[in-house]
């Protein structure tokens, strides 16, 4: 899987706040670094997180929903106060709906499943957030979609995608997040052949010939 080439200068800097993520499979930080995502600090409780954010002024803050010391909304607001330009990415599991809703309502830019952070698809999601998009990992219940509104979905405000049909946009969204064709088919409830068809139509409309070109264009680096 090729690394995306961001349209912004320099690496994307990240403060990582691990809660329940500790003890899980190690994060692929070498792959993150190769894709231009550099973790500058790793902390394990809310007070240390706020200090690290104030000291380093990162582009992104990746925080576990179960971070000790504060609730998700309090953490998001504290990060915003310490470094207003930093974008917060919250990691949780499928049972963490209260955390998810609170964090997004407080201003978090993305929610990823914890297991996604241990895969290379996190690279695509973090790059997307760094470029100003909001990311929701996987299928989100309607209540949260209502909370965010239609602009809450990843890439929903990218005018380059306005000419795509909804299913074509969904395939593009999942491709950029690093999902395989088989994973996209399973998530959308369609056949692999249908995913290939949606992908081909989207790529034709966007004027790109390869998956790498598609990702670079969506993330702002041009075809």
N, C-alpha and C. Protein backbone atom coordinates (compact mmCIF):
# COMPACT_ATOMS: atom_id res chain seq x y z
N UNK A 1 0.85 -1.19 0.00
CA UNK A 1 0.00 0.00 0.00
C UNK A 1 0.88 1.24 0.00
N UNK A 2 0.83 2.09 -1.03
CA UNK A 2 1.70 3.26 -1.08
C UNK A 2 1.30 4.29 -0.06
N UNK A 3 2.27 5.03 0.44
CA UNK A 3 1.99 6.08 1.41
C UNK A 3 1.42 7.29 0.71
N UNK A 4 0.41 7.94 1.32
CA UNK A 4 -0.13 9.14 0.71
C UNK A 4 0.87 10.26 0.74
N UNK A 5 0.81 11.14 -0.24
CA UNK A 5 1.70 12.29 -0.28
C UNK A 5 0.90 13.53 0.06
N UNK A 6 1.04 14.05 1.25
CA UNK A 6 0.22 15.17 1.66
C UNK A 6 0.53 16.43 0.88
N UNK A 7 -0.49 17.29 0.78
CA UNK A 7 -0.30 18.56 0.10
C UNK A 7 0.19 19.63 1.05
N UNK A 8 0.44 19.31 2.32
CA UNK A 8 0.91 20.28 3.29
C UNK A 8 2.39 20.03 3.54
N UNK A 9 3.20 21.06 3.82
CA UNK A 9 4.63 20.86 4.01
C UNK A 9 4.94 20.21 5.35
N UNK A 10 6.06 19.44 5.37
CA UNK A 10 6.54 18.87 6.62
C UNK A 10 5.71 17.71 7.11
N UNK A 11 6.21 17.02 8.14
CA UNK A 11 5.48 15.87 8.69
C UNK A 11 4.25 16.32 9.48
N UNK A 12 3.31 15.40 9.64
CA UNK A 12 2.17 15.61 10.52
C UNK A 12 2.61 15.19 11.92
N UNK A 13 2.56 16.11 12.88
CA UNK A 13 3.01 15.79 14.23
C UNK A 13 1.82 15.36 15.09
N UNK A 14 2.08 14.37 15.96
CA UNK A 14 1.01 13.74 16.74
C UNK A 14 1.44 13.59 18.19
N UNK A 15 0.54 13.93 19.10
CA UNK A 15 0.67 13.52 20.50
C UNK A 15 -0.28 12.35 20.70
N UNK A 16 0.24 11.24 21.20
CA UNK A 16 -0.53 10.01 21.38
C UNK A 16 -0.83 9.81 22.85
N UNK A 17 -2.12 9.73 23.19
CA UNK A 17 -2.55 9.53 24.58
C UNK A 17 -3.17 8.15 24.70
N UNK A 18 -2.44 7.23 25.27
CA UNK A 18 -2.88 5.84 25.37
C UNK A 18 -3.58 5.57 26.69
N UNK A 19 -4.76 4.99 26.61
CA UNK A 19 -5.46 4.52 27.79
C UNK A 19 -5.56 3.02 27.70
N UNK A 20 -6.73 2.54 27.26
CA UNK A 20 -6.91 1.10 27.08
C UNK A 20 -6.13 0.57 25.89
N UNK A 21 -5.56 1.46 25.08
CA UNK A 21 -4.74 0.99 23.97
C UNK A 21 -3.48 0.31 24.47
N UNK A 22 -3.04 0.65 25.70
CA UNK A 22 -1.86 0.01 26.26
C UNK A 22 -2.10 -1.48 26.41
N UNK A 23 -1.10 -2.28 26.08
CA UNK A 23 -1.23 -3.72 26.17
C UNK A 23 -1.81 -4.36 24.93
N UNK A 24 -2.28 -3.57 23.99
CA UNK A 24 -2.78 -4.09 22.73
C UNK A 24 -1.62 -4.23 21.75
N UNK A 25 -1.85 -4.79 20.57
CA UNK A 25 -0.76 -4.88 19.59
C UNK A 25 -0.12 -3.52 19.37
N UNK A 26 1.20 -3.48 19.22
CA UNK A 26 1.88 -2.19 19.08
C UNK A 26 1.43 -1.45 17.83
N UNK A 27 1.38 -0.14 17.94
CA UNK A 27 1.01 0.67 16.80
C UNK A 27 2.15 0.68 15.78
N UNK A 28 1.83 0.71 14.49
CA UNK A 28 2.88 0.67 13.45
C UNK A 28 3.51 2.04 13.26
N UNK A 29 4.21 2.52 14.29
CA UNK A 29 4.74 3.88 14.25
C UNK A 29 5.78 4.07 13.17
N UNK A 30 6.52 3.01 12.83
CA UNK A 30 7.50 3.13 11.74
C UNK A 30 6.79 3.40 10.42
N UNK A 31 5.65 2.73 10.21
CA UNK A 31 4.87 2.97 8.98
C UNK A 31 4.27 4.37 9.00
N UNK A 32 3.82 4.81 10.18
CA UNK A 32 3.31 6.17 10.30
C UNK A 32 4.41 7.16 9.91
N UNK A 33 5.62 6.96 10.45
CA UNK A 33 6.72 7.88 10.18
C UNK A 33 7.07 7.88 8.70
N UNK A 34 7.06 6.70 8.07
CA UNK A 34 7.37 6.62 6.65
C UNK A 34 6.36 7.38 5.80
N UNK A 35 5.13 7.50 6.32
CA UNK A 35 4.07 8.22 5.61
C UNK A 35 4.00 9.68 6.02
N UNK A 36 4.97 10.14 6.82
CA UNK A 36 5.00 11.54 7.21
C UNK A 36 4.19 11.87 8.44
N UNK A 37 3.94 10.87 9.30
CA UNK A 37 3.21 11.09 10.55
C UNK A 37 4.17 10.80 11.70
N UNK A 38 4.53 11.83 12.46
CA UNK A 38 5.57 11.68 13.49
C UNK A 38 4.97 11.88 14.88
N UNK A 39 5.08 10.85 15.72
CA UNK A 39 4.61 10.93 17.10
C UNK A 39 5.67 11.64 17.93
N UNK A 40 5.33 12.80 18.46
CA UNK A 40 6.31 13.59 19.22
C UNK A 40 6.28 13.29 20.71
N UNK A 41 5.13 12.82 21.22
CA UNK A 41 5.00 12.50 22.64
C UNK A 41 3.97 11.40 22.81
N UNK A 42 4.20 10.54 23.81
CA UNK A 42 3.23 9.53 24.21
C UNK A 42 2.96 9.68 25.69
N UNK A 43 1.69 9.83 26.06
CA UNK A 43 1.32 10.04 27.46
C UNK A 43 0.24 9.04 27.84
N UNK A 44 -0.05 8.98 29.16
CA UNK A 44 -0.97 7.95 29.63
C UNK A 44 -2.05 8.48 30.57
N UNK A 45 -2.15 9.79 30.73
CA UNK A 45 -3.25 10.35 31.52
C UNK A 45 -3.49 11.79 31.08
N UNK A 46 -4.66 12.32 31.45
CA UNK A 46 -5.14 13.56 30.87
C UNK A 46 -4.25 14.76 31.18
N UNK A 47 -3.77 14.87 32.41
CA UNK A 47 -2.96 16.04 32.76
C UNK A 47 -1.68 16.08 31.95
N UNK A 48 -1.03 14.92 31.79
CA UNK A 48 0.18 14.87 30.99
C UNK A 48 -0.11 15.17 29.53
N UNK A 49 -1.29 14.78 29.06
CA UNK A 49 -1.66 15.07 27.67
C UNK A 49 -1.74 16.57 27.44
N UNK A 50 -2.43 17.28 28.31
CA UNK A 50 -2.59 18.72 28.13
C UNK A 50 -1.23 19.41 28.15
N UNK A 51 -0.33 18.97 29.03
CA UNK A 51 1.00 19.57 29.09
C UNK A 51 1.78 19.30 27.81
N UNK A 52 1.71 18.06 27.31
CA UNK A 52 2.43 17.71 26.08
C UNK A 52 1.89 18.51 24.89
N UNK A 53 0.59 18.69 24.84
CA UNK A 53 -0.01 19.46 23.75
C UNK A 53 0.43 20.92 23.82
N UNK A 54 0.44 21.48 25.02
CA UNK A 54 0.86 22.87 25.18
C UNK A 54 2.33 23.04 24.82
N UNK A 55 3.15 22.03 25.14
CA UNK A 55 4.59 22.13 24.88
C UNK A 55 4.94 21.96 23.41
N UNK A 56 4.24 21.06 22.72
CA UNK A 56 4.65 20.69 21.36
C UNK A 56 3.76 21.24 20.26
N UNK A 57 2.55 21.69 20.59
CA UNK A 57 1.62 22.23 19.60
C UNK A 57 1.50 21.30 18.37
N UNK A 58 1.02 20.07 18.57
CA UNK A 58 0.98 19.11 17.46
C UNK A 58 -0.14 19.43 16.47
N UNK A 59 -0.05 18.80 15.31
CA UNK A 59 -1.14 18.90 14.34
C UNK A 59 -2.34 18.07 14.79
N UNK A 60 -2.06 16.87 15.32
CA UNK A 60 -3.11 15.94 15.72
C UNK A 60 -2.87 15.45 17.14
N UNK A 61 -3.96 15.13 17.82
CA UNK A 61 -3.90 14.47 19.13
C UNK A 61 -4.76 13.21 19.02
N UNK A 62 -4.14 12.05 19.20
CA UNK A 62 -4.86 10.78 19.16
C UNK A 62 -5.05 10.32 20.59
N UNK A 63 -6.30 10.24 21.03
CA UNK A 63 -6.58 9.99 22.44
C UNK A 63 -7.55 8.84 22.60
N UNK A 64 -7.25 7.95 23.54
CA UNK A 64 -8.14 6.84 23.83
C UNK A 64 -9.34 7.32 24.62
N UNK A 65 -10.51 6.76 24.31
CA UNK A 65 -11.73 7.15 25.02
C UNK A 65 -11.62 6.91 26.52
N UNK A 66 -10.84 5.91 26.90
CA UNK A 66 -10.74 5.55 28.32
C UNK A 66 -9.51 6.15 28.98
N UNK A 67 -9.00 7.27 28.47
CA UNK A 67 -7.82 7.90 29.06
C UNK A 67 -8.11 8.30 30.50
N UNK A 68 -7.28 7.86 31.46
CA UNK A 68 -7.52 8.22 32.86
C UNK A 68 -7.37 9.72 33.10
N UNK A 69 -8.19 10.23 34.00
CA UNK A 69 -8.01 11.59 34.47
C UNK A 69 -9.05 12.58 34.00
N UNK A 70 -9.82 12.25 32.98
CA UNK A 70 -10.85 13.18 32.49
C UNK A 70 -11.75 12.46 31.50
N UNK A 71 -12.96 12.97 31.34
CA UNK A 71 -13.88 12.43 30.35
C UNK A 71 -13.53 12.91 28.96
N UNK A 72 -14.09 12.28 27.93
CA UNK A 72 -13.72 12.61 26.55
C UNK A 72 -14.00 14.06 26.18
N UNK A 73 -15.15 14.59 26.57
CA UNK A 73 -15.47 15.97 26.22
C UNK A 73 -14.50 16.93 26.91
N UNK A 74 -14.18 16.66 28.17
CA UNK A 74 -13.24 17.51 28.90
C UNK A 74 -11.87 17.48 28.25
N UNK A 75 -11.44 16.30 27.80
CA UNK A 75 -10.14 16.18 27.14
C UNK A 75 -10.12 17.00 25.85
N UNK A 76 -11.17 16.88 25.04
CA UNK A 76 -11.21 17.61 23.77
C UNK A 76 -11.16 19.11 24.02
N UNK A 77 -11.92 19.58 24.98
CA UNK A 77 -11.93 21.02 25.27
C UNK A 77 -10.59 21.49 25.83
N UNK A 78 -9.94 20.66 26.65
CA UNK A 78 -8.64 21.03 27.21
C UNK A 78 -7.58 21.11 26.12
N UNK A 79 -7.63 20.19 25.16
CA UNK A 79 -6.69 20.23 24.03
C UNK A 79 -6.91 21.50 23.22
N UNK A 80 -8.17 21.84 22.97
CA UNK A 80 -8.47 23.05 22.20
C UNK A 80 -7.96 24.30 22.89
N UNK A 81 -8.04 24.33 24.22
CA UNK A 81 -7.55 25.48 24.96
C UNK A 81 -6.03 25.56 24.92
N UNK A 82 -5.36 24.40 24.96
CA UNK A 82 -3.90 24.38 24.99
C UNK A 82 -3.29 24.63 23.62
N UNK A 83 -3.95 24.14 22.57
CA UNK A 83 -3.44 24.30 21.19
C UNK A 83 -4.63 24.34 20.25
N UNK A 84 -5.18 25.51 19.99
CA UNK A 84 -6.43 25.62 19.21
C UNK A 84 -6.36 24.99 17.82
N UNK A 85 -5.17 24.93 17.22
CA UNK A 85 -5.07 24.39 15.86
C UNK A 85 -5.00 22.87 15.83
N UNK A 86 -4.78 22.24 16.98
CA UNK A 86 -4.66 20.78 17.01
C UNK A 86 -6.01 20.12 16.78
N UNK A 87 -6.02 19.05 16.00
CA UNK A 87 -7.25 18.31 15.73
C UNK A 87 -7.22 17.01 16.53
N UNK A 88 -8.34 16.70 17.17
CA UNK A 88 -8.40 15.54 18.06
C UNK A 88 -9.02 14.35 17.33
N UNK A 89 -8.33 13.22 17.42
CA UNK A 89 -8.82 11.94 16.91
C UNK A 89 -9.05 11.04 18.12
N UNK A 90 -10.27 10.54 18.28
CA UNK A 90 -10.62 9.71 19.43
C UNK A 90 -10.66 8.25 19.00
N UNK A 91 -10.06 7.38 19.81
CA UNK A 91 -10.08 5.94 19.55
C UNK A 91 -10.98 5.26 20.56
N UNK A 92 -11.85 4.38 20.08
CA UNK A 92 -12.76 3.68 20.98
C UNK A 92 -13.15 2.35 20.39
N UNK A 93 -14.10 1.68 21.04
CA UNK A 93 -14.59 0.42 20.52
C UNK A 93 -16.08 0.55 20.21
N UNK A 94 -16.65 -0.54 19.72
CA UNK A 94 -18.05 -0.50 19.30
C UNK A 94 -19.03 -0.24 20.42
N UNK A 95 -18.59 -0.42 21.68
CA UNK A 95 -19.49 -0.21 22.82
C UNK A 95 -19.32 1.19 23.41
N UNK A 96 -18.49 2.02 22.78
CA UNK A 96 -18.18 3.31 23.37
C UNK A 96 -19.02 4.45 22.85
N UNK A 97 -20.32 4.21 22.61
CA UNK A 97 -21.16 5.26 22.04
C UNK A 97 -21.23 6.52 22.90
N UNK A 98 -21.38 6.43 24.23
CA UNK A 98 -21.41 7.67 25.01
C UNK A 98 -20.13 8.48 24.85
N UNK A 99 -18.99 7.80 24.85
CA UNK A 99 -17.71 8.49 24.65
C UNK A 99 -17.66 9.13 23.27
N UNK A 100 -18.07 8.37 22.27
CA UNK A 100 -18.04 8.86 20.90
C UNK A 100 -18.89 10.12 20.75
N UNK A 101 -20.12 10.06 21.22
CA UNK A 101 -21.02 11.20 21.09
C UNK A 101 -20.49 12.41 21.83
N UNK A 102 -19.97 12.20 23.05
CA UNK A 102 -19.47 13.32 23.85
C UNK A 102 -18.26 13.97 23.18
N UNK A 103 -17.35 13.14 22.67
CA UNK A 103 -16.13 13.67 22.06
C UNK A 103 -16.44 14.44 20.78
N UNK A 104 -17.30 13.89 19.94
CA UNK A 104 -17.64 14.57 18.69
C UNK A 104 -18.40 15.86 18.95
N UNK A 105 -19.30 15.83 19.92
CA UNK A 105 -20.06 17.04 20.24
C UNK A 105 -19.14 18.13 20.79
N UNK A 106 -18.05 17.74 21.45
CA UNK A 106 -17.11 18.71 22.02
C UNK A 106 -16.13 19.25 20.99
N UNK A 107 -16.10 18.63 19.80
CA UNK A 107 -15.24 19.16 18.75
C UNK A 107 -14.19 18.22 18.20
N UNK A 108 -14.20 16.94 18.61
CA UNK A 108 -13.25 15.99 18.03
C UNK A 108 -13.48 15.88 16.53
N UNK A 109 -12.41 15.71 15.77
CA UNK A 109 -12.50 15.68 14.32
C UNK A 109 -12.67 14.28 13.75
N UNK A 110 -12.43 13.25 14.57
CA UNK A 110 -12.49 11.90 14.03
C UNK A 110 -12.67 10.88 15.14
N UNK A 111 -13.24 9.75 14.76
CA UNK A 111 -13.34 8.60 15.65
C UNK A 111 -12.86 7.38 14.88
N UNK A 112 -11.90 6.66 15.47
CA UNK A 112 -11.39 5.43 14.88
C UNK A 112 -11.57 4.28 15.85
N UNK A 113 -11.85 3.11 15.32
CA UNK A 113 -11.85 1.93 16.16
C UNK A 113 -10.43 1.65 16.62
N UNK A 114 -10.29 1.16 17.85
CA UNK A 114 -8.94 0.93 18.38
C UNK A 114 -8.14 -0.01 17.49
N UNK A 115 -8.82 -1.03 16.95
CA UNK A 115 -8.09 -1.98 16.12
C UNK A 115 -7.59 -1.34 14.83
N UNK A 116 -8.26 -0.28 14.38
CA UNK A 116 -7.80 0.40 13.17
C UNK A 116 -6.45 1.09 13.39
N UNK A 117 -6.19 1.53 14.61
CA UNK A 117 -4.93 2.20 14.89
C UNK A 117 -3.74 1.27 14.73
N UNK A 118 -3.97 -0.03 14.86
CA UNK A 118 -2.88 -0.99 14.73
C UNK A 118 -2.70 -1.46 13.29
N UNK A 119 -3.48 -0.92 12.37
CA UNK A 119 -3.35 -1.28 10.96
C UNK A 119 -2.92 -0.06 10.16
N UNK A 120 -2.51 -0.30 8.92
CA UNK A 120 -2.04 0.80 8.09
C UNK A 120 -3.16 1.74 7.66
N UNK A 121 -4.42 1.32 7.83
CA UNK A 121 -5.50 2.22 7.45
C UNK A 121 -5.49 3.48 8.31
N UNK A 122 -4.88 3.41 9.51
CA UNK A 122 -4.78 4.61 10.34
C UNK A 122 -3.99 5.70 9.64
N UNK A 123 -3.01 5.31 8.82
CA UNK A 123 -2.22 6.31 8.09
C UNK A 123 -3.13 7.17 7.23
N UNK A 124 -4.03 6.53 6.50
CA UNK A 124 -4.92 7.27 5.61
C UNK A 124 -5.87 8.15 6.42
N UNK A 125 -6.39 7.62 7.50
CA UNK A 125 -7.33 8.39 8.31
C UNK A 125 -6.65 9.61 8.93
N UNK A 126 -5.45 9.44 9.47
CA UNK A 126 -4.75 10.56 10.11
C UNK A 126 -4.36 11.61 9.08
N UNK A 127 -3.93 11.18 7.91
CA UNK A 127 -3.61 12.14 6.86
C UNK A 127 -4.86 12.93 6.46
N UNK A 128 -5.99 12.24 6.38
CA UNK A 128 -7.23 12.92 6.01
C UNK A 128 -7.61 13.97 7.04
N UNK A 129 -7.49 13.63 8.33
CA UNK A 129 -7.81 14.60 9.38
C UNK A 129 -6.84 15.78 9.32
N UNK A 130 -5.57 15.50 9.07
CA UNK A 130 -4.58 16.57 8.97
C UNK A 130 -4.90 17.53 7.82
N UNK A 131 -5.60 17.03 6.80
CA UNK A 131 -5.98 17.87 5.67
C UNK A 131 -7.34 18.54 5.88
N UNK A 132 -7.90 18.40 7.07
CA UNK A 132 -9.12 19.12 7.38
C UNK A 132 -10.41 18.34 7.29
N UNK A 133 -10.33 17.05 6.94
CA UNK A 133 -11.52 16.23 6.85
C UNK A 133 -11.89 15.68 8.22
N UNK A 134 -13.14 15.26 8.36
CA UNK A 134 -13.59 14.56 9.56
C UNK A 134 -13.83 13.10 9.20
N UNK A 135 -13.36 12.21 10.05
CA UNK A 135 -13.37 10.79 9.73
C UNK A 135 -14.18 10.02 10.76
N UNK A 136 -15.09 9.19 10.26
CA UNK A 136 -15.80 8.23 11.10
C UNK A 136 -15.45 6.85 10.59
N UNK A 137 -14.86 6.04 11.44
CA UNK A 137 -14.36 4.72 11.05
C UNK A 137 -15.48 3.70 11.11
N UNK A 138 -15.83 3.13 9.97
CA UNK A 138 -16.85 2.10 9.94
C UNK A 138 -18.25 2.68 9.93
N UNK A 139 -19.23 1.82 10.10
CA UNK A 139 -20.63 2.24 10.05
C UNK A 139 -21.02 2.84 11.39
N UNK A 140 -21.55 4.05 11.35
CA UNK A 140 -21.92 4.77 12.56
C UNK A 140 -23.44 4.77 12.68
N UNK A 141 -23.97 4.44 13.86
CA UNK A 141 -25.42 4.43 14.03
C UNK A 141 -26.05 5.77 13.68
N UNK A 142 -27.31 5.73 13.27
CA UNK A 142 -28.00 6.92 12.81
C UNK A 142 -28.02 8.05 13.82
N UNK A 143 -28.05 7.73 15.11
CA UNK A 143 -28.11 8.77 16.12
C UNK A 143 -26.90 9.68 16.05
N UNK A 144 -25.72 9.08 15.84
CA UNK A 144 -24.50 9.88 15.74
C UNK A 144 -24.47 10.64 14.43
N UNK A 145 -24.97 10.03 13.37
CA UNK A 145 -25.03 10.74 12.09
C UNK A 145 -25.92 11.97 12.21
N UNK A 146 -27.02 11.85 12.96
CA UNK A 146 -27.89 13.00 13.18
C UNK A 146 -27.17 14.07 14.00
N UNK A 147 -26.36 13.63 14.96
CA UNK A 147 -25.62 14.57 15.79
C UNK A 147 -24.65 15.39 14.94
N UNK A 148 -23.97 14.72 14.01
CA UNK A 148 -22.97 15.40 13.20
C UNK A 148 -23.58 16.14 12.02
N UNK A 149 -24.67 15.62 11.48
CA UNK A 149 -25.22 16.18 10.26
C UNK A 149 -24.49 15.61 9.06
N UNK A 150 -24.97 15.87 7.85
CA UNK A 150 -24.37 15.27 6.66
C UNK A 150 -22.93 15.67 6.43
N UNK A 151 -22.49 16.82 6.96
CA UNK A 151 -21.11 17.23 6.75
C UNK A 151 -20.15 16.51 7.68
N UNK A 152 -20.67 15.69 8.61
CA UNK A 152 -19.79 14.99 9.52
C UNK A 152 -19.04 13.85 8.87
N UNK A 153 -19.55 13.34 7.75
CA UNK A 153 -18.92 12.19 7.13
C UNK A 153 -17.65 12.58 6.42
N UNK A 154 -16.70 11.69 6.45
CA UNK A 154 -15.42 11.88 5.80
C UNK A 154 -15.60 12.28 4.33
N UNK A 155 -14.97 13.35 3.93
CA UNK A 155 -14.94 13.84 2.56
C UNK A 155 -16.27 14.43 2.08
N UNK A 156 -17.26 14.58 2.97
CA UNK A 156 -18.57 15.04 2.52
C UNK A 156 -18.53 16.44 1.94
N UNK A 157 -17.53 17.25 2.36
CA UNK A 157 -17.49 18.63 1.88
C UNK A 157 -16.46 18.83 0.77
N UNK A 158 -15.88 17.74 0.27
CA UNK A 158 -14.88 17.87 -0.79
C UNK A 158 -15.61 18.04 -2.12
N UNK A 159 -15.53 19.24 -2.70
CA UNK A 159 -16.29 19.53 -3.92
C UNK A 159 -15.85 18.67 -5.09
N UNK A 160 -14.62 18.14 -5.04
CA UNK A 160 -14.17 17.28 -6.13
C UNK A 160 -14.99 16.00 -6.21
N UNK A 161 -15.69 15.66 -5.13
CA UNK A 161 -16.46 14.41 -5.11
C UNK A 161 -17.95 14.64 -5.35
N UNK A 162 -18.35 15.88 -5.59
CA UNK A 162 -19.77 16.16 -5.73
C UNK A 162 -20.38 15.46 -6.93
N UNK A 163 -19.57 15.15 -7.95
CA UNK A 163 -20.10 14.50 -9.14
C UNK A 163 -20.27 13.00 -8.99
N UNK A 164 -19.86 12.45 -7.84
CA UNK A 164 -19.98 11.01 -7.62
C UNK A 164 -21.33 10.66 -7.02
N UNK A 165 -21.82 9.48 -7.36
CA UNK A 165 -23.02 8.97 -6.72
C UNK A 165 -22.70 8.56 -5.29
N UNK A 166 -23.71 8.50 -4.41
CA UNK A 166 -23.43 8.19 -3.00
C UNK A 166 -22.62 6.91 -2.78
N UNK A 167 -22.93 5.85 -3.52
CA UNK A 167 -22.19 4.60 -3.32
C UNK A 167 -20.76 4.72 -3.84
N UNK A 168 -20.56 5.50 -4.88
CA UNK A 168 -19.21 5.74 -5.38
C UNK A 168 -18.40 6.53 -4.35
N UNK A 169 -19.03 7.54 -3.73
CA UNK A 169 -18.33 8.32 -2.69
C UNK A 169 -17.97 7.43 -1.51
N UNK A 170 -18.87 6.52 -1.15
CA UNK A 170 -18.59 5.63 -0.02
C UNK A 170 -17.41 4.72 -0.32
N UNK A 171 -17.33 4.21 -1.54
CA UNK A 171 -16.18 3.38 -1.92
C UNK A 171 -14.90 4.19 -1.84
N UNK A 172 -14.93 5.43 -2.35
CA UNK A 172 -13.74 6.28 -2.29
C UNK A 172 -13.33 6.53 -0.84
N UNK A 173 -14.31 6.83 0.01
CA UNK A 173 -14.01 7.08 1.42
C UNK A 173 -13.30 5.89 2.05
N UNK A 174 -13.79 4.70 1.78
CA UNK A 174 -13.21 3.50 2.39
C UNK A 174 -11.85 3.17 1.78
N UNK A 175 -11.68 3.44 0.49
CA UNK A 175 -10.37 3.23 -0.13
C UNK A 175 -9.33 4.12 0.51
N UNK A 176 -9.66 5.39 0.70
CA UNK A 176 -8.71 6.34 1.26
C UNK A 176 -8.36 5.98 2.70
N UNK A 177 -9.30 5.35 3.41
CA UNK A 177 -9.02 4.91 4.77
C UNK A 177 -8.23 3.61 4.82
N UNK A 178 -7.91 3.04 3.64
CA UNK A 178 -7.03 1.89 3.60
C UNK A 178 -7.71 0.54 3.55
N UNK A 179 -9.03 0.50 3.39
CA UNK A 179 -9.73 -0.77 3.33
C UNK A 179 -9.44 -1.49 2.01
N UNK A 180 -9.40 -2.81 2.06
CA UNK A 180 -9.27 -3.61 0.85
C UNK A 180 -10.63 -3.70 0.16
N UNK A 181 -10.61 -4.17 -1.08
CA UNK A 181 -11.87 -4.33 -1.82
C UNK A 181 -12.79 -5.31 -1.10
N UNK A 182 -12.22 -6.39 -0.58
CA UNK A 182 -13.04 -7.38 0.14
C UNK A 182 -13.66 -6.77 1.39
N UNK A 183 -12.89 -5.96 2.12
CA UNK A 183 -13.43 -5.31 3.32
C UNK A 183 -14.53 -4.32 2.96
N UNK A 184 -14.34 -3.59 1.86
CA UNK A 184 -15.37 -2.63 1.43
C UNK A 184 -16.65 -3.36 1.05
N UNK A 185 -16.50 -4.48 0.34
CA UNK A 185 -17.68 -5.25 -0.05
C UNK A 185 -18.45 -5.73 1.18
N UNK A 186 -17.71 -6.22 2.19
CA UNK A 186 -18.36 -6.71 3.40
C UNK A 186 -19.05 -5.58 4.15
N UNK A 187 -18.40 -4.42 4.24
CA UNK A 187 -18.97 -3.30 4.98
C UNK A 187 -20.19 -2.72 4.29
N UNK A 188 -20.18 -2.70 2.96
CA UNK A 188 -21.29 -2.12 2.22
C UNK A 188 -22.38 -3.14 1.90
N UNK A 189 -22.10 -4.42 2.13
CA UNK A 189 -23.08 -5.45 1.86
C UNK A 189 -23.30 -5.70 0.39
N UNK A 190 -22.23 -5.59 -0.40
CA UNK A 190 -22.32 -5.83 -1.84
C UNK A 190 -21.22 -6.80 -2.24
N UNK A 191 -21.21 -7.19 -3.50
CA UNK A 191 -20.19 -8.12 -3.98
C UNK A 191 -18.89 -7.39 -4.29
N UNK A 192 -17.81 -8.14 -4.34
CA UNK A 192 -16.52 -7.58 -4.72
C UNK A 192 -16.59 -6.98 -6.12
N UNK A 193 -17.31 -7.66 -7.02
CA UNK A 193 -17.46 -7.16 -8.39
C UNK A 193 -18.14 -5.79 -8.40
N UNK A 194 -19.14 -5.62 -7.54
CA UNK A 194 -19.84 -4.34 -7.47
C UNK A 194 -18.91 -3.24 -6.97
N UNK A 195 -18.07 -3.56 -5.99
CA UNK A 195 -17.10 -2.57 -5.50
C UNK A 195 -16.15 -2.16 -6.61
N UNK A 196 -15.67 -3.14 -7.38
CA UNK A 196 -14.80 -2.82 -8.51
C UNK A 196 -15.50 -1.88 -9.50
N UNK A 197 -16.79 -2.10 -9.71
CA UNK A 197 -17.54 -1.25 -10.63
C UNK A 197 -17.64 0.17 -10.10
N UNK A 198 -18.01 0.32 -8.81
CA UNK A 198 -18.10 1.66 -8.21
C UNK A 198 -16.74 2.36 -8.25
N UNK A 199 -15.68 1.61 -7.95
CA UNK A 199 -14.35 2.20 -7.94
C UNK A 199 -13.95 2.67 -9.33
N UNK A 200 -14.22 1.85 -10.34
CA UNK A 200 -13.86 2.22 -11.72
C UNK A 200 -14.63 3.47 -12.16
N UNK A 201 -15.91 3.54 -11.82
CA UNK A 201 -16.70 4.71 -12.19
C UNK A 201 -16.17 5.97 -11.50
N UNK A 202 -15.86 5.85 -10.21
CA UNK A 202 -15.36 7.00 -9.47
C UNK A 202 -14.02 7.47 -10.02
N UNK A 203 -13.13 6.54 -10.30
CA UNK A 203 -11.82 6.90 -10.82
C UNK A 203 -11.93 7.56 -12.19
N UNK A 204 -12.85 7.06 -13.02
CA UNK A 204 -13.06 7.66 -14.34
C UNK A 204 -13.55 9.10 -14.19
N UNK A 205 -14.51 9.32 -13.30
CA UNK A 205 -15.07 10.66 -13.11
C UNK A 205 -14.03 11.62 -12.54
N UNK A 206 -13.12 11.10 -11.71
CA UNK A 206 -12.11 11.95 -11.08
C UNK A 206 -10.86 12.09 -11.94
N UNK A 207 -10.79 11.34 -13.03
CA UNK A 207 -9.66 11.47 -13.94
C UNK A 207 -8.37 10.88 -13.42
N UNK A 208 -8.46 9.79 -12.65
CA UNK A 208 -7.26 9.13 -12.14
C UNK A 208 -7.24 7.69 -12.64
N UNK A 209 -6.03 7.12 -12.68
CA UNK A 209 -5.87 5.79 -13.27
C UNK A 209 -5.51 4.72 -12.25
N UNK A 210 -5.00 5.12 -11.09
CA UNK A 210 -4.56 4.14 -10.10
C UNK A 210 -5.12 4.48 -8.73
N UNK A 211 -5.09 3.49 -7.84
CA UNK A 211 -5.54 3.71 -6.47
C UNK A 211 -4.70 4.79 -5.78
N UNK A 212 -3.38 4.76 -6.02
CA UNK A 212 -2.51 5.76 -5.42
C UNK A 212 -2.85 7.17 -5.87
N UNK A 213 -3.14 7.34 -7.17
CA UNK A 213 -3.53 8.66 -7.67
C UNK A 213 -4.85 9.11 -7.05
N UNK A 214 -5.77 8.16 -6.87
CA UNK A 214 -7.05 8.49 -6.26
C UNK A 214 -6.85 9.02 -4.85
N UNK A 215 -6.04 8.32 -4.06
CA UNK A 215 -5.80 8.73 -2.68
C UNK A 215 -5.12 10.09 -2.63
N UNK A 216 -4.11 10.30 -3.47
CA UNK A 216 -3.40 11.57 -3.45
C UNK A 216 -4.31 12.73 -3.84
N UNK A 217 -5.19 12.51 -4.80
CA UNK A 217 -6.09 13.59 -5.20
C UNK A 217 -7.07 13.92 -4.09
N UNK A 218 -7.63 12.90 -3.46
CA UNK A 218 -8.61 13.14 -2.40
C UNK A 218 -7.96 13.83 -1.21
N UNK A 219 -6.72 13.47 -0.89
CA UNK A 219 -6.05 14.06 0.26
C UNK A 219 -5.40 15.39 -0.06
N UNK A 220 -5.53 15.86 -1.28
CA UNK A 220 -5.08 17.21 -1.58
C UNK A 220 -3.76 17.32 -2.28
N UNK A 221 -3.15 16.17 -2.66
CA UNK A 221 -1.85 16.23 -3.29
C UNK A 221 -1.88 16.29 -4.79
N UNK A 222 -3.08 16.27 -5.39
CA UNK A 222 -3.19 16.29 -6.84
C UNK A 222 -3.06 14.91 -7.42
N UNK A 223 -3.49 14.70 -8.67
CA UNK A 223 -3.46 13.38 -9.29
C UNK A 223 -2.04 12.96 -9.64
